[in-house]
Amino acid sequence: MSITSSEIENLLAQEFVDATIGATGDNGSYQVQIISDVFEGLNAVKRQQAVYRVLNPHISSGAIHAINMQLLTTGEQARSGN
């Protein structure tokens, strides 16, 4: 089973409403960027756990075998300039 970057974006958009979401990659290796104030007050591990909760079925199935995440609040994104 495979999954596309667009499908990953759609899955994440259902969980992270009002977020800016981008996903790139293929063949099971993806990069995800989510800009959302839902991450306010959460450390990096808690932020990643929130994303893994959404993607775990696809990780378990082998459709996703590597994922790199950039998870920022809108304030952090503005300060980083990315």
PDB file of N, CA and C in Angstrom:
ATOM      1  N   MET A   1       0.840  -1.190   0.000  1.00  0.00           N
ATOM      2  CA  MET A   1       0.000   0.000   0.000  1.00  0.00           C
ATOM      3  C   MET A   1       0.880   1.248   0.000  1.00  0.00           C
ATOM      4  N   SER A   2       0.490   2.241  -0.755  1.00  0.00           N
ATOM      5  CA  SER A   2       1.256   3.490  -0.790  1.00  0.00           C
ATOM      6  C   SER A   2       0.333   4.654  -0.442  1.00  0.00           C
ATOM      7  N   ILE A   3       0.961   5.770  -0.164  1.00  0.00           N
ATOM      8  CA  ILE A   3       0.228   6.988   0.178  1.00  0.00           C
ATOM      9  C   ILE A   3       0.939   8.154  -0.495  1.00  0.00           C
ATOM     10  N   THR A   4       0.184   9.127  -0.933  1.00  0.00           N
ATOM     11  CA  THR A   4       0.772  10.282  -1.605  1.00  0.00           C
ATOM     12  C   THR A   4       0.928  11.446  -0.625  1.00  0.00           C
ATOM     13  N   SER A   5       1.741  12.408  -1.010  1.00  0.00           N
ATOM     14  CA  SER A   5       1.908  13.622  -0.197  1.00  0.00           C
ATOM     15  C   SER A   5       0.574  14.327  -0.006  1.00  0.00           C
ATOM     16  N   SER A   6      -0.241  14.368  -1.061  1.00  0.00           N
ATOM     17  CA  SER A   6      -1.555  15.017  -0.963  1.00  0.00           C
ATOM     18  C   SER A   6      -2.453  14.307   0.034  1.00  0.00           C
ATOM     19  N   GLU A   7      -2.407  12.978   0.051  1.00  0.00           N
ATOM     20  CA  GLU A   7      -3.213  12.230   1.011  1.00  0.00           C
ATOM     21  C   GLU A   7      -2.749  12.505   2.437  1.00  0.00           C
ATOM     22  N   ILE A   8      -1.441  12.613   2.628  1.00  0.00           N
ATOM     23  CA  ILE A   8      -0.913  12.949   3.954  1.00  0.00           C
ATOM     24  C   ILE A   8      -1.399  14.334   4.373  1.00  0.00           C
ATOM     25  N   GLU A   9      -1.328  15.303   3.464  1.00  0.00           N
ATOM     26  CA  GLU A   9      -1.813  16.654   3.771  1.00  0.00           C
ATOM     27  C   GLU A   9      -3.285  16.620   4.164  1.00  0.00           C
ATOM     28  N   ASN A  10      -4.094  15.855   3.425  1.00  0.00           N
ATOM     29  CA  ASN A  10      -5.531  15.774   3.724  1.00  0.00           C
ATOM     30  C   ASN A  10      -5.798  15.146   5.085  1.00  0.00           C
ATOM     31  N   LEU A  11      -5.073  14.080   5.421  1.00  0.00           N
ATOM     32  CA  LEU A  11      -5.224  13.447   6.730  1.00  0.00           C
ATOM     33  C   LEU A  11      -4.883  14.423   7.852  1.00  0.00           C
ATOM     34  N   LEU A  12      -3.776  15.130   7.683  1.00  0.00           N
ATOM     35  CA  LEU A  12      -3.337  16.073   8.712  1.00  0.00           C
ATOM     36  C   LEU A  12      -4.287  17.268   8.817  1.00  0.00           C
ATOM     37  N   ALA A  13      -4.850  17.692   7.684  1.00  0.00           N
ATOM     38  CA  ALA A  13      -5.768  18.834   7.688  1.00  0.00           C
ATOM     39  C   ALA A  13      -7.041  18.520   8.473  1.00  0.00           C
ATOM     40  N   GLN A  14      -7.439  17.252   8.501  1.00  0.00           N
ATOM     41  CA  GLN A  14      -8.622  16.862   9.269  1.00  0.00           C
ATOM     42  C   GLN A  14      -8.370  16.994  10.772  1.00  0.00           C
ATOM     43  N   GLU A  15      -7.140  16.770  11.192  1.00  0.00           N
ATOM     44  CA  GLU A  15      -6.784  16.843  12.612  1.00  0.00           C
ATOM     45  C   GLU A  15      -6.350  18.247  13.021  1.00  0.00           C
ATOM     46  N   PHE A  16      -5.578  18.895  12.172  1.00  0.00           N
ATOM     47  CA  PHE A  16      -5.018  20.212  12.482  1.00  0.00           C
ATOM     48  C   PHE A  16      -5.767  21.272  11.678  1.00  0.00           C
ATOM     49  N   VAL A  17      -6.953  21.600  12.162  1.00  0.00           N
ATOM     50  CA  VAL A  17      -7.812  22.576  11.496  1.00  0.00           C
ATOM     51  C   VAL A  17      -7.175  23.961  11.622  1.00  0.00           C
ATOM     52  N   ASP A  18      -7.310  24.769  10.604  1.00  0.00           N
ATOM     53  CA  ASP A  18      -6.754  26.131  10.579  1.00  0.00           C
ATOM     54  C   ASP A  18      -5.229  26.137  10.617  1.00  0.00           C
ATOM     55  N   ALA A  19      -4.604  25.068  10.184  1.00  0.00           N
ATOM     56  CA  ALA A  19      -3.140  24.991  10.125  1.00  0.00           C
ATOM     57  C   ALA A  19      -2.684  25.152   8.683  1.00  0.00           C
ATOM     58  N   THR A  20      -1.447  25.578   8.527  1.00  0.00           N
ATOM     59  CA  THR A  20      -0.805  25.562   7.219  1.00  0.00           C
ATOM     60  C   THR A  20      -0.011  24.266   7.155  1.00  0.00           C
ATOM     61  N   ILE A  21      -0.337  23.426   6.183  1.00  0.00           N
ATOM     62  CA  ILE A  21       0.242  22.090   6.111  1.00  0.00           C
ATOM     63  C   ILE A  21       0.868  21.867   4.746  1.00  0.00           C
ATOM     64  N   GLY A  22       2.070  21.319   4.759  1.00  0.00           N
ATOM     65  CA  GLY A  22       2.731  20.936   3.521  1.00  0.00           C
ATOM     66  C   GLY A  22       3.375  19.575   3.702  1.00  0.00           C
ATOM     67  N   ALA A  23       3.276  18.754   2.676  1.00  0.00           N
ATOM     68  CA  ALA A  23       3.927  17.446   2.694  1.00  0.00           C
ATOM     69  C   ALA A  23       4.572  17.203   1.336  1.00  0.00           C
ATOM     70  N   THR A  24       5.792  16.703   1.370  1.00  0.00           N
ATOM     71  CA  THR A  24       6.495  16.350   0.142  1.00  0.00           C
ATOM     72  C   THR A  24       7.133  14.985   0.334  1.00  0.00           C
ATOM     73  N   GLY A  25       7.510  14.377  -0.772  1.00  0.00           N
ATOM     74  CA  GLY A  25       8.182  13.091  -0.718  1.00  0.00           C
ATOM     75  C   GLY A  25       7.401  12.028  -1.453  1.00  0.00           C
ATOM     76  N   ASP A  26       7.964  10.833  -1.478  1.00  0.00           N
ATOM     77  CA  ASP A  26       7.314   9.687  -2.099  1.00  0.00           C
ATOM     78  C   ASP A  26       8.042   8.416  -1.702  1.00  0.00           C
ATOM     79  N   ASN A  27       7.537   7.294  -2.176  1.00  0.00           N
ATOM     80  CA  ASN A  27       8.143   5.986  -1.892  1.00  0.00           C
ATOM     81  C   ASN A  27       8.340   5.732  -0.404  1.00  0.00           C
ATOM     82  N   GLY A  28       7.413   6.237   0.426  1.00  0.00           N
ATOM     83  CA  GLY A  28       7.452   5.963   1.855  1.00  0.00           C
ATOM     84  C   GLY A  28       8.271   6.930   2.693  1.00  0.00           C
ATOM     85  N   SER A  29       8.951   7.885   2.053  1.00  0.00           N
ATOM     86  CA  SER A  29       9.784   8.851   2.772  1.00  0.00           C
ATOM     87  C   SER A  29       9.227  10.257   2.533  1.00  0.00           C
ATOM     88  N   TYR A  30       8.837  10.919   3.624  1.00  0.00           N
ATOM     89  CA  TYR A  30       8.124  12.190   3.490  1.00  0.00           C
ATOM     90  C   TYR A  30       8.674  13.252   4.436  1.00  0.00           C
ATOM     91  N   GLN A  31       8.450  14.509   4.038  1.00  0.00           N
ATOM     92  CA  GLN A  31       8.749  15.659   4.860  1.00  0.00           C
ATOM     93  C   GLN A  31       7.421  16.379   5.083  1.00  0.00           C
ATOM     94  N   VAL A  32       7.164  16.730   6.329  1.00  0.00           N
ATOM     95  CA  VAL A  32       5.905  17.384   6.681  1.00  0.00           C
ATOM     96  C   VAL A  32       6.212  18.671   7.432  1.00  0.00           C
ATOM     97  N   GLN A  33       5.526  19.744   7.035  1.00  0.00           N
ATOM     98  CA  GLN A  33       5.611  20.990   7.780  1.00  0.00           C
ATOM     99  C   GLN A  33       4.190  21.381   8.181  1.00  0.00           C
ATOM    100  N   ILE A  34       4.016  21.652   9.455  1.00  0.00           N
ATOM    101  CA  ILE A  34       2.723  22.116   9.956  1.00  0.00           C
ATOM    102  C   ILE A  34       2.971  23.372  10.783  1.00  0.00           C
ATOM    103  N   ILE A  35       2.254  24.429  10.422  1.00  0.00           N
ATOM    104  CA  ILE A  35       2.299  25.683  11.171  1.00  0.00           C
ATOM    105  C   ILE A  35       0.934  25.824  11.830  1.00  0.00           C
ATOM    106  N   SER A  36       0.906  25.750  13.156  1.00  0.00           N
ATOM    107  CA  SER A  36      -0.369  25.814  13.877  1.00  0.00           C
ATOM    108  C   SER A  36      -0.150  26.244  15.317  1.00  0.00           C
ATOM    109  N   ASP A  37      -1.059  27.051  15.794  1.00  0.00           N
ATOM    110  CA  ASP A  37      -0.975  27.470  17.193  1.00  0.00           C
ATOM    111  C   ASP A  37      -1.404  26.364  18.153  1.00  0.00           C
ATOM    112  N   VAL A  38      -1.898  25.243  17.636  1.00  0.00           N
ATOM    113  CA  VAL A  38      -2.212  24.096  18.494  1.00  0.00           C
ATOM    114  C   VAL A  38      -0.934  23.578  19.170  1.00  0.00           C
ATOM    115  N   PHE A  39       0.229  23.892  18.596  1.00  0.00           N
ATOM    116  CA  PHE A  39       1.503  23.451  19.166  1.00  0.00           C
ATOM    117  C   PHE A  39       1.999  24.353  20.295  1.00  0.00           C
ATOM    118  N   GLU A  40       1.322  25.460  20.522  1.00  0.00           N
ATOM    119  CA  GLU A  40       1.724  26.400  21.575  1.00  0.00           C
ATOM    120  C   GLU A  40       1.803  25.676  22.917  1.00  0.00           C
ATOM    121  N   GLY A  41       2.936  25.787  23.578  1.00  0.00           N
ATOM    122  CA  GLY A  41       3.123  25.197  24.888  1.00  0.00           C
ATOM    123  C   GLY A  41       3.522  23.724  24.868  1.00  0.00           C
ATOM    124  N   LEU A  42       3.612  23.121  23.689  1.00  0.00           N
ATOM    125  CA  LEU A  42       4.007  21.712  23.587  1.00  0.00           C
ATOM    126  C   LEU A  42       5.477  21.605  23.206  1.00  0.00           C
ATOM    127  N   ASN A  43       6.186  20.679  23.840  1.00  0.00           N
ATOM    128  CA  ASN A  43       7.577  20.455  23.450  1.00  0.00           C
ATOM    129  C   ASN A  43       7.618  19.640  22.155  1.00  0.00           C
ATOM    130  N   ALA A  44       8.799  19.445  21.613  1.00  0.00           N
ATOM    131  CA  ALA A  44       8.957  18.772  20.318  1.00  0.00           C
ATOM    132  C   ALA A  44       8.370  17.366  20.331  1.00  0.00           C
ATOM    133  N   VAL A  45       8.566  16.638  21.397  1.00  0.00           N
ATOM    134  CA  VAL A  45       8.062  15.259  21.477  1.00  0.00           C
ATOM    135  C   VAL A  45       6.533  15.247  21.438  1.00  0.00           C
ATOM    136  N   LYS A  46       5.891  16.117  22.197  1.00  0.00           N
ATOM    137  CA  LYS A  46       4.419  16.174  22.218  1.00  0.00           C
ATOM    138  C   LYS A  46       3.874  16.573  20.844  1.00  0.00           C
ATOM    139  N   ARG A  47       4.562  17.478  20.174  1.00  0.00           N
ATOM    140  CA  ARG A  47       4.143  17.884  18.829  1.00  0.00           C
ATOM    141  C   ARG A  47       4.213  16.693  17.872  1.00  0.00           C
ATOM    142  N   GLN A  48       5.329  15.960  17.924  1.00  0.00           N
ATOM    143  CA  GLN A  48       5.493  14.803  17.051  1.00  0.00           C
ATOM    144  C   GLN A  48       4.465  13.723  17.371  1.00  0.00           C
ATOM    145  N   GLN A  49       4.187  13.512  18.640  1.00  0.00           N
ATOM    146  CA  GLN A  49       3.198  12.503  19.020  1.00  0.00           C
ATOM    147  C   GLN A  49       1.828  12.827  18.431  1.00  0.00           C
ATOM    148  N   ALA A  50       1.482  14.102  18.373  1.00  0.00           N
ATOM    149  CA  ALA A  50       0.199  14.507  17.790  1.00  0.00           C
ATOM    150  C   ALA A  50       0.132  14.136  16.312  1.00  0.00           C
ATOM    151  N   VAL A  51       1.240  14.293  15.604  1.00  0.00           N
ATOM    152  CA  VAL A  51       1.287  13.936  14.183  1.00  0.00           C
ATOM    153  C   VAL A  51       1.294  12.418  14.016  1.00  0.00           C
ATOM    154  N   TYR A  52       2.075  11.727  14.831  1.00  0.00           N
ATOM    155  CA  TYR A  52       2.118  10.265  14.749  1.00  0.00           C
ATOM    156  C   TYR A  52       0.745   9.642  14.994  1.00  0.00           C
ATOM    157  N   ARG A  53      -0.057  10.225  15.879  1.00  0.00           N
ATOM    158  CA  ARG A  53      -1.408   9.702  16.134  1.00  0.00           C
ATOM    159  C   ARG A  53      -2.214   9.654  14.836  1.00  0.00           C
ATOM    160  N   VAL A  54      -2.044  10.643  13.990  1.00  0.00           N
ATOM    161  CA  VAL A  54      -2.774  10.704  12.723  1.00  0.00           C
ATOM    162  C   VAL A  54      -2.188   9.720  11.706  1.00  0.00           C
ATOM    163  N   LEU A  55      -0.864   9.637  11.656  1.00  0.00           N
ATOM    164  CA  LEU A  55      -0.202   8.868  10.597  1.00  0.00           C
ATOM    165  C   LEU A  55       0.116   7.420  10.967  1.00  0.00           C
ATOM    166  N   ASN A  56      -0.044   7.038  12.227  1.00  0.00           N
ATOM    167  CA  ASN A  56       0.340   5.689  12.663  1.00  0.00           C
ATOM    168  C   ASN A  56      -0.238   4.547  11.833  1.00  0.00           C
ATOM    169  N   PRO A  57      -1.490   4.594  11.404  1.00  0.00           N
ATOM    170  CA  PRO A  57      -1.978   3.485  10.577  1.00  0.00           C
ATOM    171  C   PRO A  57      -1.149   3.295   9.300  1.00  0.00           C
ATOM    172  N   HIS A  58      -0.660   4.387   8.748  1.00  0.00           N
ATOM    173  CA  HIS A  58       0.119   4.328   7.508  1.00  0.00           C
ATOM    174  C   HIS A  58       1.574   3.954   7.776  1.00  0.00           C
ATOM    175  N   ILE A  59       2.043   4.275   8.967  1.00  0.00           N
ATOM    176  CA  ILE A  59       3.385   3.844   9.379  1.00  0.00           C
ATOM    177  C   ILE A  59       3.352   2.339   9.644  1.00  0.00           C
ATOM    178  N   SER A  60       2.337   1.887  10.345  1.00  0.00           N
ATOM    179  CA  SER A  60       2.198   0.459  10.664  1.00  0.00           C
ATOM    180  C   SER A  60       2.055  -0.391   9.410  1.00  0.00           C
ATOM    181  N   SER A  61       1.359   0.151   8.405  1.00  0.00           N
ATOM    182  CA  SER A  61       1.147  -0.609   7.174  1.00  0.00           C
ATOM    183  C   SER A  61       2.395  -0.644   6.286  1.00  0.00           C
ATOM    184  N   GLY A  62       3.361   0.229   6.589  1.00  0.00           N
ATOM    185  CA  GLY A  62       4.567   0.311   5.773  1.00  0.00           C
ATOM    186  C   GLY A  62       4.487   1.344   4.661  1.00  0.00           C
ATOM    187  N   ALA A  63       3.329   2.009   4.524  1.00  0.00           N
ATOM    188  CA  ALA A  63       3.181   3.039   3.497  1.00  0.00           C
ATOM    189  C   ALA A  63       4.106   4.230   3.776  1.00  0.00           C
ATOM    190  N   ILE A  64       4.342   4.485   5.057  1.00  0.00           N
ATOM    191  CA  ILE A  64       5.287   5.525   5.470  1.00  0.00           C
ATOM    192  C   ILE A  64       6.369   4.837   6.296  1.00  0.00           C
ATOM    193  N   HIS A  65       7.607   4.957   5.849  1.00  0.00           N
ATOM    194  CA  HIS A  65       8.695   4.355   6.635  1.00  0.00           C
ATOM    195  C   HIS A  65       9.674   5.391   7.173  1.00  0.00           C
ATOM    196  N   ALA A  66       9.591   6.604   6.669  1.00  0.00           N
ATOM    197  CA  ALA A  66      10.450   7.685   7.184  1.00  0.00           C
ATOM    198  C   ALA A  66       9.681   8.997   7.066  1.00  0.00           C
ATOM    199  N   ILE A  67       9.719   9.781   8.138  1.00  0.00           N
ATOM    200  CA  ILE A  67       9.049  11.076   8.109  1.00  0.00           C
ATOM    201  C   ILE A  67       9.878  12.102   8.882  1.00  0.00           C
ATOM    202  N   ASN A  68      10.086  13.224   8.249  1.00  0.00           N
ATOM    203  CA  ASN A  68      10.815  14.336   8.853  1.00  0.00           C
ATOM    204  C   ASN A  68       9.779  15.431   9.089  1.00  0.00           C
ATOM    205  N   MET A  69       9.714  15.942  10.304  1.00  0.00           N
ATOM    206  CA  MET A  69       8.676  16.910  10.643  1.00  0.00           C
ATOM    207  C   MET A  69       9.252  18.251  11.069  1.00  0.00           C
ATOM    208  N   GLN A  70       8.635  19.299  10.573  1.00  0.00           N
ATOM    209  CA  GLN A  70       8.893  20.649  11.065  1.00  0.00           C
ATOM    210  C   GLN A  70       7.548  21.143  11.590  1.00  0.00           C
ATOM    211  N   LEU A  71       7.441  21.276  12.894  1.00  0.00           N
ATOM    212  CA  LEU A  71       6.176  21.588  13.550  1.00  0.00           C
ATOM    213  C   LEU A  71       6.337  22.861  14.356  1.00  0.00           C
ATOM    214  N   LEU A  72       5.718  23.928  13.893  1.00  0.00           N
ATOM    215  CA  LEU A  72       5.933  25.248  14.480  1.00  0.00           C
ATOM    216  C   LEU A  72       4.614  25.945  14.785  1.00  0.00           C
ATOM    217  N   THR A  73       4.654  26.847  15.762  1.00  0.00           N
ATOM    218  CA  THR A  73       3.530  27.774  15.958  1.00  0.00           C
ATOM    219  C   THR A  73       3.694  28.886  14.923  1.00  0.00           C
ATOM    220  N   THR A  74       2.646  29.688  14.752  1.00  0.00           N
ATOM    221  CA  THR A  74       2.751  30.788  13.789  1.00  0.00           C
ATOM    222  C   THR A  74       3.830  31.780  14.220  1.00  0.00           C
ATOM    223  N   GLY A  75       3.968  32.006  15.522  1.00  0.00           N
ATOM    224  CA  GLY A  75       5.010  32.910  16.028  1.00  0.00           C
ATOM    225  C   GLY A  75       6.407  32.374  15.755  1.00  0.00           C
ATOM    226  N   GLU A  76       6.605  31.085  15.983  1.00  0.00           N
ATOM    227  CA  GLU A  76       7.913  30.474  15.714  1.00  0.00           C
ATOM    228  C   GLU A  76       8.246  30.527  14.232  1.00  0.00           C
ATOM    229  N   GLN A  77       7.246  30.303  13.390  1.00  0.00           N
ATOM    230  CA  GLN A  77       7.462  30.350  11.951  1.00  0.00           C
ATOM    231  C   GLN A  77       7.837  31.757  11.510  1.00  0.00           C
ATOM    232  N   ALA A  78       7.173  32.754  12.058  1.00  0.00           N
ATOM    233  CA  ALA A  78       7.465  34.143  11.711  1.00  0.00           C
ATOM    234  C   ALA A  78       8.883  34.517  12.118  1.00  0.00           C
ATOM    235  N   ARG A  79       9.312  34.052  13.293  1.00  0.00           N
ATOM    236  CA  ARG A  79      10.661  34.359  13.761  1.00  0.00           C
ATOM    237  C   ARG A  79      11.729  33.629  12.947  1.00  0.00           C
ATOM    238  N   SER A  80      11.388  32.430  12.460  1.00  0.00           N
ATOM    239  CA  SER A  80      12.382  31.640  11.714  1.00  0.00           C
ATOM    240  C   SER A  80      12.527  32.120  10.275  1.00  0.00           C
ATOM    241  N   GLY A  81      11.483  32.776   9.765  1.00  0.00           N
ATOM    242  CA  GLY A  81      11.543  33.262   8.402  1.00  0.00           C
ATOM    243  C   GLY A  81      11.338  32.178   7.355  1.00  0.00           C
ATOM    244  N   ASN A  82      10.914  30.972   7.758  1.00  0.00           N
ATOM    245  CA  ASN A  82      10.677  29.871   6.797  1.00  0.00           C
ATOM    246  C   ASN A  82       9.252  29.864   6.324  1.00  0.00           C
TER     247      ASN A  82
END
